Amino acid sequence: MAGSAEASTKVKTKTISYKIRGATGEALLDAMDRKGPRHGLTTRAIAQTGYSVDWAIDTRQRDGGCRIVRADAVLDVTFSYPEVTGPMSPALSRRWQKFMTGVRKHEQMHARIARDMVAAAQRLVRNVSFVRDRSCTRSQEEARRRINATYAKYEARQVEFDRVEHAAGGNVERLVSRLAGGN
């Protein structure tokens, strides 16, 4: 079967916040530890990027075969960040702003990896076709298999990014240390 599928990706983003208070960097960090988004069963994160993907895959049957003619995706990204609601000293406010700039940059990288994941999956799905697939079952199963394999690959990239960022001496540790009052 000839031709390649069309694909489009729509990205929807939403930002939510959780409120914290504190007069020192340590107090703000403690508040984030208590109120931040859940990360696993017992720990909380400073911030978090969640995402989901909805697919619309259209097939075309012809001469007993089937091919993917369109693979559209909607990537929903939700960022969760802390928001300070109480007063801060000018020095703490400056540290907080620098801290949040670094936190947002970190979370934006998670979103970028997710966007790259969807684009890679679309590229792989574009070429799916089977000569003997009247019901398009094989084509749809192969598309799903390729999407899931791509997800696994990119989830490993998400985990590796966090491993490096959260390592001792890594970017997140430096951000936390500066907020707490270190250099």
N, C-alpha and C. Protein backbone atom coordinates (compact mmCIF):
# COMPACT_ATOMS: atom_id res chain seq x y z
N MET A 1 0.85 -1.18 0.00
CA MET A 1 0.00 0.00 0.00
C MET A 1 0.90 1.24 0.00
N ALA A 2 0.58 2.20 -0.80
CA ALA A 2 1.40 3.39 -0.93
C ALA A 2 0.84 4.53 -0.10
N GLY A 3 1.65 5.56 0.03
CA GLY A 3 1.22 6.76 0.74
C GLY A 3 1.64 6.73 2.20
N SER A 4 1.65 7.89 2.78
CA SER A 4 1.97 7.95 4.21
C SER A 4 0.89 8.73 4.93
N ALA A 5 0.73 8.42 6.17
CA ALA A 5 -0.35 9.02 6.96
C ALA A 5 -0.03 10.46 7.31
N GLU A 6 -1.08 11.23 7.46
CA GLU A 6 -0.96 12.58 7.97
C GLU A 6 -0.99 12.51 9.49
N ALA A 7 -0.42 13.52 10.12
CA ALA A 7 -0.45 13.55 11.58
C ALA A 7 -0.46 15.00 12.05
N SER A 8 -1.17 15.21 13.13
CA SER A 8 -1.13 16.52 13.76
C SER A 8 -1.17 16.30 15.26
N THR A 9 -0.55 17.21 15.96
CA THR A 9 -0.55 17.15 17.42
C THR A 9 -1.07 18.46 17.96
N LYS A 10 -2.01 18.35 18.85
CA LYS A 10 -2.50 19.52 19.56
C LYS A 10 -2.00 19.38 20.99
N VAL A 11 -1.42 20.45 21.52
CA VAL A 11 -0.92 20.43 22.89
C VAL A 11 -1.77 21.38 23.71
N LYS A 12 -2.36 20.85 24.77
CA LYS A 12 -3.13 21.66 25.71
C LYS A 12 -2.36 21.69 27.01
N THR A 13 -2.19 22.88 27.56
CA THR A 13 -1.49 22.99 28.84
C THR A 13 -2.39 23.65 29.87
N LYS A 14 -2.17 23.23 31.08
CA LYS A 14 -2.91 23.78 32.21
C LYS A 14 -1.91 23.89 33.36
N THR A 15 -2.02 24.95 34.12
CA THR A 15 -1.16 25.13 35.29
C THR A 15 -2.04 25.24 36.52
N ILE A 16 -1.71 24.44 37.51
CA ILE A 16 -2.40 24.52 38.79
C ILE A 16 -1.36 24.83 39.85
N SER A 17 -1.83 25.36 40.96
CA SER A 17 -0.88 25.68 42.03
C SER A 17 -1.42 25.19 43.36
N TYR A 18 -0.49 24.98 44.26
CA TYR A 18 -0.86 24.70 45.64
C TYR A 18 -0.23 25.80 46.49
N LYS A 19 -0.95 26.24 47.47
CA LYS A 19 -0.55 27.40 48.25
C LYS A 19 0.34 27.00 49.43
N ILE A 20 1.39 27.81 49.61
CA ILE A 20 2.30 27.60 50.74
C ILE A 20 2.59 28.95 51.39
N ARG A 21 3.07 28.89 52.62
CA ARG A 21 3.47 30.09 53.36
C ARG A 21 4.78 29.81 54.06
N GLY A 22 5.53 30.86 54.29
CA GLY A 22 6.78 30.73 55.03
C GLY A 22 7.56 32.03 54.97
N ALA A 23 8.24 32.32 56.08
CA ALA A 23 9.03 33.55 56.14
C ALA A 23 10.50 33.31 55.84
N THR A 24 10.88 32.04 55.71
CA THR A 24 12.27 31.69 55.38
C THR A 24 12.26 30.66 54.25
N GLY A 25 13.41 30.48 53.63
CA GLY A 25 13.53 29.46 52.60
C GLY A 25 13.25 28.08 53.15
N GLU A 26 13.76 27.81 54.36
CA GLU A 26 13.53 26.51 55.01
C GLU A 26 12.04 26.29 55.25
N ALA A 27 11.34 27.32 55.70
CA ALA A 27 9.91 27.19 55.96
C ALA A 27 9.14 26.92 54.66
N LEU A 28 9.55 27.56 53.57
CA LEU A 28 8.90 27.31 52.28
C LEU A 28 9.16 25.87 51.82
N LEU A 29 10.39 25.40 52.01
CA LEU A 29 10.71 24.02 51.63
C LEU A 29 9.90 23.02 52.47
N ASP A 30 9.76 23.30 53.77
CA ASP A 30 8.95 22.44 54.63
C ASP A 30 7.49 22.42 54.16
N ALA A 31 6.98 23.58 53.78
CA ALA A 31 5.60 23.66 53.30
C ALA A 31 5.43 22.86 52.00
N MET A 32 6.42 22.93 51.12
CA MET A 32 6.35 22.14 49.88
C MET A 32 6.39 20.65 50.19
N ASP A 33 7.20 20.26 51.18
CA ASP A 33 7.27 18.85 51.58
C ASP A 33 5.93 18.36 52.12
N ARG A 34 5.17 19.25 52.73
CA ARG A 34 3.86 18.86 53.29
C ARG A 34 2.73 18.91 52.27
N LYS A 35 2.79 19.90 51.35
CA LYS A 35 1.64 20.17 50.48
C LYS A 35 1.86 19.89 49.01
N GLY A 36 3.08 19.59 48.61
CA GLY A 36 3.38 19.40 47.19
C GLY A 36 2.65 18.22 46.60
N PRO A 37 2.65 18.12 45.28
CA PRO A 37 1.97 17.00 44.62
C PRO A 37 2.63 15.67 45.00
N ARG A 38 1.83 14.65 45.11
CA ARG A 38 2.34 13.33 45.47
C ARG A 38 3.28 12.82 44.39
N HIS A 39 4.38 12.24 44.86
CA HIS A 39 5.36 11.60 43.99
C HIS A 39 5.60 10.21 44.59
N GLY A 40 4.85 9.25 44.13
CA GLY A 40 4.90 7.93 44.76
C GLY A 40 3.92 7.90 45.92
N LEU A 41 4.07 6.90 46.77
CA LEU A 41 3.13 6.72 47.87
C LEU A 41 3.41 7.60 49.07
N THR A 42 4.68 7.82 49.37
CA THR A 42 5.01 8.51 50.62
C THR A 42 5.72 9.84 50.46
N THR A 43 6.11 10.20 49.26
CA THR A 43 6.87 11.44 49.09
C THR A 43 6.07 12.45 48.29
N ARG A 44 6.51 13.67 48.40
CA ARG A 44 5.89 14.78 47.67
C ARG A 44 6.96 15.46 46.84
N ALA A 45 6.53 16.06 45.76
CA ALA A 45 7.43 16.77 44.86
C ALA A 45 7.27 18.28 45.08
N ILE A 46 8.27 19.03 44.67
CA ILE A 46 8.19 20.48 44.68
C ILE A 46 7.18 20.93 43.63
N ALA A 47 7.31 20.35 42.45
CA ALA A 47 6.44 20.65 41.31
C ALA A 47 6.29 19.37 40.52
N GLN A 48 5.38 19.38 39.58
CA GLN A 48 5.14 18.15 38.83
C GLN A 48 4.57 18.48 37.46
N THR A 49 4.94 17.66 36.48
CA THR A 49 4.37 17.74 35.15
C THR A 49 3.69 16.41 34.87
N GLY A 50 2.39 16.47 34.69
CA GLY A 50 1.64 15.28 34.32
C GLY A 50 1.17 15.43 32.89
N TYR A 51 1.01 14.32 32.21
CA TYR A 51 0.51 14.40 30.85
C TYR A 51 -0.22 13.13 30.46
N SER A 52 -1.09 13.29 29.48
CA SER A 52 -1.79 12.16 28.88
C SER A 52 -1.92 12.46 27.40
N VAL A 53 -2.10 11.39 26.63
CA VAL A 53 -2.21 11.53 25.18
C VAL A 53 -3.46 10.79 24.72
N ASP A 54 -4.27 11.47 23.93
CA ASP A 54 -5.42 10.84 23.29
C ASP A 54 -5.13 10.78 21.79
N TRP A 55 -5.37 9.62 21.22
CA TRP A 55 -5.09 9.40 19.80
C TRP A 55 -6.38 9.27 19.01
N ALA A 56 -6.36 9.77 17.80
CA ALA A 56 -7.41 9.54 16.81
C ALA A 56 -6.69 8.98 15.58
N ILE A 57 -6.83 7.69 15.37
CA ILE A 57 -6.13 7.03 14.27
C ILE A 57 -7.18 6.56 13.27
N ASP A 58 -7.04 7.05 12.05
CA ASP A 58 -7.95 6.67 10.98
C ASP A 58 -7.24 5.74 10.01
N THR A 59 -7.97 4.74 9.55
CA THR A 59 -7.43 3.77 8.61
C THR A 59 -8.21 3.80 7.31
N ARG A 60 -7.60 3.25 6.28
CA ARG A 60 -8.27 3.14 4.99
C ARG A 60 -8.06 1.71 4.48
N GLN A 61 -9.15 1.11 4.10
CA GLN A 61 -9.11 -0.24 3.52
C GLN A 61 -9.13 -0.12 2.00
N ARG A 62 -8.33 -0.96 1.38
CA ARG A 62 -8.31 -0.96 -0.09
C ARG A 62 -7.73 -2.28 -0.57
N ASP A 63 -8.43 -2.92 -1.45
CA ASP A 63 -7.98 -4.17 -2.07
C ASP A 63 -7.55 -5.21 -1.03
N GLY A 64 -8.29 -5.30 0.06
CA GLY A 64 -7.99 -6.29 1.09
C GLY A 64 -6.92 -5.87 2.06
N GLY A 65 -6.33 -4.71 1.85
CA GLY A 65 -5.28 -4.24 2.73
C GLY A 65 -5.75 -3.06 3.56
N CYS A 66 -4.90 -2.61 4.45
CA CYS A 66 -5.24 -1.49 5.32
C CYS A 66 -3.99 -0.66 5.58
N ARG A 67 -4.19 0.62 5.68
CA ARG A 67 -3.09 1.51 6.07
C ARG A 67 -3.61 2.62 6.96
N ILE A 68 -2.73 3.15 7.76
CA ILE A 68 -3.04 4.30 8.60
C ILE A 68 -3.01 5.53 7.70
N VAL A 69 -4.09 6.30 7.69
CA VAL A 69 -4.13 7.50 6.86
C VAL A 69 -4.04 8.78 7.69
N ARG A 70 -4.30 8.66 8.97
CA ARG A 70 -4.21 9.84 9.83
C ARG A 70 -3.95 9.37 11.26
N ALA A 71 -3.03 10.05 11.92
CA ALA A 71 -2.72 9.75 13.32
C ALA A 71 -2.59 11.08 14.06
N ASP A 72 -3.70 11.53 14.60
CA ASP A 72 -3.72 12.79 15.33
C ASP A 72 -3.61 12.52 16.82
N ALA A 73 -2.95 13.39 17.51
CA ALA A 73 -2.78 13.24 18.95
C ALA A 73 -3.11 14.54 19.66
N VAL A 74 -3.68 14.41 20.84
CA VAL A 74 -3.89 15.54 21.73
C VAL A 74 -3.08 15.24 22.98
N LEU A 75 -2.09 16.07 23.24
CA LEU A 75 -1.24 15.95 24.42
C LEU A 75 -1.74 16.94 25.45
N ASP A 76 -2.24 16.42 26.57
CA ASP A 76 -2.68 17.27 27.69
C ASP A 76 -1.56 17.30 28.72
N VAL A 77 -1.04 18.50 28.99
CA VAL A 77 0.04 18.68 29.96
C VAL A 77 -0.48 19.52 31.11
N THR A 78 -0.26 19.03 32.33
CA THR A 78 -0.65 19.78 33.52
C THR A 78 0.58 20.01 34.38
N PHE A 79 0.88 21.29 34.62
CA PHE A 79 1.97 21.67 35.50
C PHE A 79 1.39 21.99 36.88
N SER A 80 2.05 21.55 37.92
CA SER A 80 1.66 21.87 39.29
C SER A 80 2.84 22.54 39.97
N TYR A 81 2.61 23.76 40.46
CA TYR A 81 3.67 24.55 41.07
C TYR A 81 3.22 25.09 42.43
N PRO A 82 4.20 25.35 43.32
CA PRO A 82 3.86 26.02 44.57
C PRO A 82 3.62 27.51 44.33
N GLU A 83 2.77 28.08 45.17
CA GLU A 83 2.49 29.52 45.12
C GLU A 83 2.56 30.05 46.55
N VAL A 84 3.44 31.01 46.76
CA VAL A 84 3.57 31.61 48.09
C VAL A 84 2.45 32.62 48.28
N THR A 85 1.71 32.48 49.39
CA THR A 85 0.58 33.37 49.63
C THR A 85 0.87 34.41 50.71
N GLY A 86 1.89 34.20 51.49
CA GLY A 86 2.19 35.14 52.56
C GLY A 86 3.28 36.12 52.18
N PRO A 87 3.54 37.07 53.07
CA PRO A 87 4.59 38.05 52.79
C PRO A 87 5.98 37.41 52.83
N MET A 88 6.87 37.98 52.02
CA MET A 88 8.27 37.54 52.01
C MET A 88 9.16 38.77 52.08
N SER A 89 10.31 38.60 52.70
CA SER A 89 11.29 39.68 52.69
C SER A 89 11.80 39.86 51.27
N PRO A 90 12.35 41.03 50.96
CA PRO A 90 12.89 41.23 49.61
C PRO A 90 13.95 40.19 49.24
N ALA A 91 14.82 39.83 50.19
CA ALA A 91 15.87 38.85 49.91
C ALA A 91 15.25 37.47 49.62
N LEU A 92 14.28 37.07 50.42
CA LEU A 92 13.63 35.78 50.20
C LEU A 92 12.85 35.81 48.88
N SER A 93 12.22 36.91 48.58
CA SER A 93 11.48 37.03 47.33
C SER A 93 12.40 36.85 46.13
N ARG A 94 13.59 37.43 46.17
CA ARG A 94 14.56 37.27 45.08
C ARG A 94 14.99 35.81 44.96
N ARG A 95 15.28 35.16 46.09
CA ARG A 95 15.66 33.75 46.07
C ARG A 95 14.51 32.89 45.54
N TRP A 96 13.29 33.23 45.95
CA TRP A 96 12.12 32.48 45.50
C TRP A 96 11.96 32.59 43.97
N GLN A 97 12.12 33.80 43.45
CA GLN A 97 11.98 33.99 42.01
C GLN A 97 13.02 33.17 41.24
N LYS A 98 14.25 33.17 41.70
CA LYS A 98 15.31 32.37 41.05
C LYS A 98 15.01 30.88 41.17
N PHE A 99 14.54 30.48 42.34
CA PHE A 99 14.17 29.08 42.57
C PHE A 99 13.08 28.66 41.58
N MET A 100 12.03 29.47 41.48
CA MET A 100 10.91 29.11 40.60
C MET A 100 11.30 29.15 39.13
N THR A 101 12.22 30.01 38.75
CA THR A 101 12.71 30.01 37.37
C THR A 101 13.35 28.66 37.05
N GLY A 102 14.17 28.16 37.97
CA GLY A 102 14.80 26.86 37.79
C GLY A 102 13.79 25.72 37.81
N VAL A 103 12.81 25.80 38.70
CA VAL A 103 11.78 24.75 38.79
C VAL A 103 10.96 24.72 37.50
N ARG A 104 10.58 25.88 37.00
CA ARG A 104 9.79 25.92 35.75
C ARG A 104 10.61 25.37 34.57
N LYS A 105 11.87 25.71 34.53
CA LYS A 105 12.74 25.20 33.46
C LYS A 105 12.79 23.67 33.52
N HIS A 106 12.91 23.12 34.71
CA HIS A 106 12.93 21.66 34.89
C HIS A 106 11.62 21.04 34.39
N GLU A 107 10.50 21.60 34.80
CA GLU A 107 9.21 21.04 34.41
C GLU A 107 8.94 21.21 32.92
N GLN A 108 9.41 22.32 32.34
CA GLN A 108 9.25 22.51 30.89
C GLN A 108 10.02 21.44 30.12
N MET A 109 11.15 20.99 30.66
CA MET A 109 11.90 19.92 29.99
C MET A 109 11.08 18.62 30.00
N HIS A 110 10.38 18.34 31.09
CA HIS A 110 9.52 17.16 31.11
C HIS A 110 8.45 17.27 30.02
N ALA A 111 7.88 18.45 29.85
CA ALA A 111 6.86 18.66 28.81
C ALA A 111 7.47 18.50 27.42
N ARG A 112 8.68 18.98 27.25
CA ARG A 112 9.36 18.85 25.94
C ARG A 112 9.59 17.38 25.61
N ILE A 113 10.03 16.60 26.60
CA ILE A 113 10.24 15.17 26.37
C ILE A 113 8.91 14.52 25.98
N ALA A 114 7.82 14.92 26.61
CA ALA A 114 6.51 14.37 26.26
C ALA A 114 6.12 14.75 24.83
N ARG A 115 6.37 16.00 24.44
CA ARG A 115 6.07 16.41 23.05
C ARG A 115 6.92 15.62 22.06
N ASP A 116 8.19 15.43 22.38
CA ASP A 116 9.07 14.64 21.51
C ASP A 116 8.57 13.20 21.41
N MET A 117 8.05 12.68 22.51
CA MET A 117 7.52 11.31 22.53
C MET A 117 6.36 11.18 21.55
N VAL A 118 5.44 12.11 21.60
CA VAL A 118 4.27 12.05 20.71
C VAL A 118 4.72 12.19 19.25
N ALA A 119 5.63 13.10 18.98
CA ALA A 119 6.11 13.28 17.60
C ALA A 119 6.80 12.01 17.10
N ALA A 120 7.60 11.37 17.94
CA ALA A 120 8.28 10.13 17.54
C ALA A 120 7.26 9.02 17.27
N ALA A 121 6.26 8.91 18.13
CA ALA A 121 5.22 7.89 17.93
C ALA A 121 4.47 8.14 16.63
N GLN A 122 4.16 9.39 16.35
CA GLN A 122 3.46 9.70 15.09
C GLN A 122 4.28 9.31 13.87
N ARG A 123 5.58 9.58 13.93
CA ARG A 123 6.44 9.21 12.79
C ARG A 123 6.41 7.70 12.55
N LEU A 124 6.42 6.93 13.63
CA LEU A 124 6.41 5.47 13.51
C LEU A 124 5.07 4.93 13.04
N VAL A 125 3.99 5.58 13.41
CA VAL A 125 2.66 5.12 13.04
C VAL A 125 2.35 5.43 11.58
N ARG A 126 2.94 6.50 11.07
CA ARG A 126 2.68 6.94 9.70
C ARG A 126 2.85 5.84 8.66
N ASN A 127 3.77 4.94 8.86
CA ASN A 127 4.10 3.95 7.84
C ASN A 127 3.42 2.61 8.04
N VAL A 128 2.49 2.52 8.94
CA VAL A 128 1.85 1.23 9.20
C VAL A 128 0.87 0.89 8.09
N SER A 129 1.06 -0.28 7.50
CA SER A 129 0.11 -0.80 6.52
C SER A 129 0.34 -2.30 6.37
N PHE A 130 -0.73 -2.99 6.07
CA PHE A 130 -0.66 -4.43 5.83
C PHE A 130 -1.46 -4.73 4.57
N VAL A 131 -0.89 -5.58 3.72
CA VAL A 131 -1.53 -5.95 2.46
C VAL A 131 -2.78 -6.80 2.73
N ARG A 132 -2.70 -7.71 3.69
CA ARG A 132 -3.84 -8.58 4.02
C ARG A 132 -4.37 -8.21 5.41
N ASP A 133 -5.25 -7.24 5.42
CA ASP A 133 -5.80 -6.76 6.70
C ASP A 133 -7.15 -6.10 6.44
N ARG A 134 -8.10 -6.90 6.00
CA ARG A 134 -9.42 -6.37 5.62
C ARG A 134 -10.11 -5.60 6.74
N SER A 135 -9.96 -6.05 7.98
CA SER A 135 -10.65 -5.39 9.11
C SER A 135 -9.80 -4.30 9.75
N CYS A 136 -8.59 -4.13 9.29
CA CYS A 136 -7.63 -3.15 9.83
C CYS A 136 -7.20 -3.48 11.26
N THR A 137 -7.50 -4.67 11.72
CA THR A 137 -7.12 -5.06 13.08
C THR A 137 -5.60 -5.10 13.24
N ARG A 138 -4.92 -5.71 12.28
CA ARG A 138 -3.45 -5.80 12.38
C ARG A 138 -2.81 -4.42 12.35
N SER A 139 -3.32 -3.55 11.48
CA SER A 139 -2.76 -2.19 11.38
C SER A 139 -2.95 -1.42 12.68
N GLN A 140 -4.14 -1.52 13.27
CA GLN A 140 -4.40 -0.83 14.53
C GLN A 140 -3.56 -1.40 15.66
N GLU A 141 -3.43 -2.74 15.70
CA GLU A 141 -2.60 -3.36 16.74
C GLU A 141 -1.14 -2.96 16.59
N GLU A 142 -0.66 -2.90 15.36
CA GLU A 142 0.73 -2.51 15.13
C GLU A 142 0.94 -1.04 15.50
N ALA A 143 -0.02 -0.19 15.18
CA ALA A 143 0.09 1.21 15.59
C ALA A 143 0.18 1.31 17.10
N ARG A 144 -0.69 0.61 17.81
CA ARG A 144 -0.69 0.65 19.28
C ARG A 144 0.63 0.11 19.84
N ARG A 145 1.14 -0.98 19.23
CA ARG A 145 2.42 -1.55 19.69
C ARG A 145 3.54 -0.52 19.53
N ARG A 146 3.58 0.16 18.40
CA ARG A 146 4.62 1.16 18.16
C ARG A 146 4.49 2.34 19.11
N ILE A 147 3.26 2.76 19.34
CA ILE A 147 3.04 3.87 20.29
C ILE A 147 3.51 3.46 21.68
N ASN A 148 3.12 2.29 22.13
CA ASN A 148 3.51 1.84 23.48
C ASN A 148 5.02 1.68 23.61
N ALA A 149 5.69 1.17 22.58
CA ALA A 149 7.15 1.02 22.61
C ALA A 149 7.81 2.40 22.69
N THR A 150 7.25 3.36 21.96
CA THR A 150 7.79 4.72 22.01
C THR A 150 7.58 5.33 23.38
N TYR A 151 6.40 5.13 23.97
CA TYR A 151 6.14 5.63 25.32
C TYR A 151 7.18 5.08 26.29
N ALA A 152 7.46 3.78 26.22
CA ALA A 152 8.41 3.17 27.15
C ALA A 152 9.79 3.80 27.00
N LYS A 153 10.21 4.02 25.77
CA LYS A 153 11.52 4.63 25.51
C LYS A 153 11.59 6.05 26.10
N TYR A 154 10.55 6.83 25.89
CA TYR A 154 10.57 8.20 26.36
C TYR A 154 10.32 8.31 27.86
N GLU A 155 9.59 7.38 28.44
CA GLU A 155 9.45 7.37 29.91
C GLU A 155 10.81 7.11 30.54
N ALA A 156 11.61 6.25 29.91
CA ALA A 156 12.97 6.02 30.41
C ALA A 156 13.78 7.31 30.34
N ARG A 157 13.56 8.13 29.31
CA ARG A 157 14.24 9.43 29.22
C ARG A 157 13.78 10.37 30.35
N GLN A 158 12.49 10.32 30.67
CA GLN A 158 11.97 11.15 31.78
C GLN A 158 12.66 10.75 33.09
N VAL A 159 12.75 9.45 33.33
CA VAL A 159 13.37 8.94 34.55
C VAL A 159 14.84 9.33 34.60
N GLU A 160 15.54 9.19 33.49
CA GLU A 160 16.96 9.54 33.45
C GLU A 160 17.17 11.04 33.66
N PHE A 161 16.32 11.86 33.08
CA PHE A 161 16.41 13.31 33.29
C PHE A 161 16.27 13.63 34.78
N ASP A 162 15.28 13.03 35.43
CA ASP A 162 15.11 13.26 36.87
C ASP A 162 16.28 12.72 37.67
N ARG A 163 16.81 11.57 37.28
CA ARG A 163 17.94 10.99 38.01
C ARG A 163 19.12 11.97 38.02
N VAL A 164 19.40 12.55 36.87
CA VAL A 164 20.51 13.49 36.76
C VAL A 164 20.20 14.78 37.53
N GLU A 165 19.01 15.32 37.34
CA GLU A 165 18.63 16.58 37.97
C GLU A 165 18.57 16.48 39.50
N HIS A 166 18.14 15.31 40.01
CA HIS A 166 17.97 15.14 41.46
C HIS A 166 19.18 14.50 42.14
N ALA A 167 20.22 14.21 41.39
CA ALA A 167 21.42 13.58 41.96
C ALA A 167 22.10 14.55 42.94
N ALA A 168 22.89 13.99 43.82
CA ALA A 168 23.67 14.82 44.74
C ALA A 168 24.51 15.80 43.94
N GLY A 169 24.41 17.07 44.28
CA GLY A 169 25.12 18.12 43.56
C GLY A 169 24.44 18.53 42.26
N GLY A 170 23.29 17.94 41.97
CA GLY A 170 22.57 18.24 40.74
C GLY A 170 21.80 19.54 40.81
N ASN A 171 21.15 19.87 39.74
CA ASN A 171 20.44 21.13 39.61
C ASN A 171 19.40 21.34 40.70
N VAL A 172 18.59 20.32 40.99
CA VAL A 172 17.53 20.49 41.99
C VAL A 172 18.12 20.73 43.37
N GLU A 173 19.18 20.00 43.71
CA GLU A 173 19.82 20.21 45.01
C GLU A 173 20.36 21.64 45.12
N ARG A 174 20.93 22.14 44.05
CA ARG A 174 21.45 23.52 44.06
C ARG A 174 20.31 24.53 44.22
N LEU A 175 19.19 24.32 43.53
CA LEU A 175 18.05 25.22 43.66
C LEU A 175 17.53 25.24 45.10
N VAL A 176 17.40 24.05 45.69
CA VAL A 176 16.91 23.94 47.06
C VAL A 176 17.86 24.61 48.03
N SER A 177 19.15 24.37 47.85
CA SER A 177 20.15 24.96 48.74
C SER A 177 20.13 26.49 48.67
N ARG A 178 20.00 27.02 47.48
CA ARG A 178 19.95 28.50 47.34
C ARG A 178 18.69 29.08 47.97
N LEU A 179 17.59 28.40 47.81
CA LEU A 179 16.35 28.89 48.44
C LEU A 179 16.46 28.85 49.95
N ALA A 180 17.08 27.79 50.47
CA ALA A 180 17.21 27.65 51.90
C ALA A 180 18.12 28.71 52.51
N GLY A 181 18.90 29.37 51.68
CA GLY A 181 19.74 30.44 52.19
C GLY A 181 21.20 30.22 51.91
N GLY A 182 21.52 29.14 51.20
CA GLY A 182 22.91 28.91 50.81
C GLY A 182 23.31 29.87 49.71
N ASN A 183 24.46 29.67 49.13
CA ASN A 183 24.96 30.57 48.09
C ASN A 183 24.23 30.27 46.86
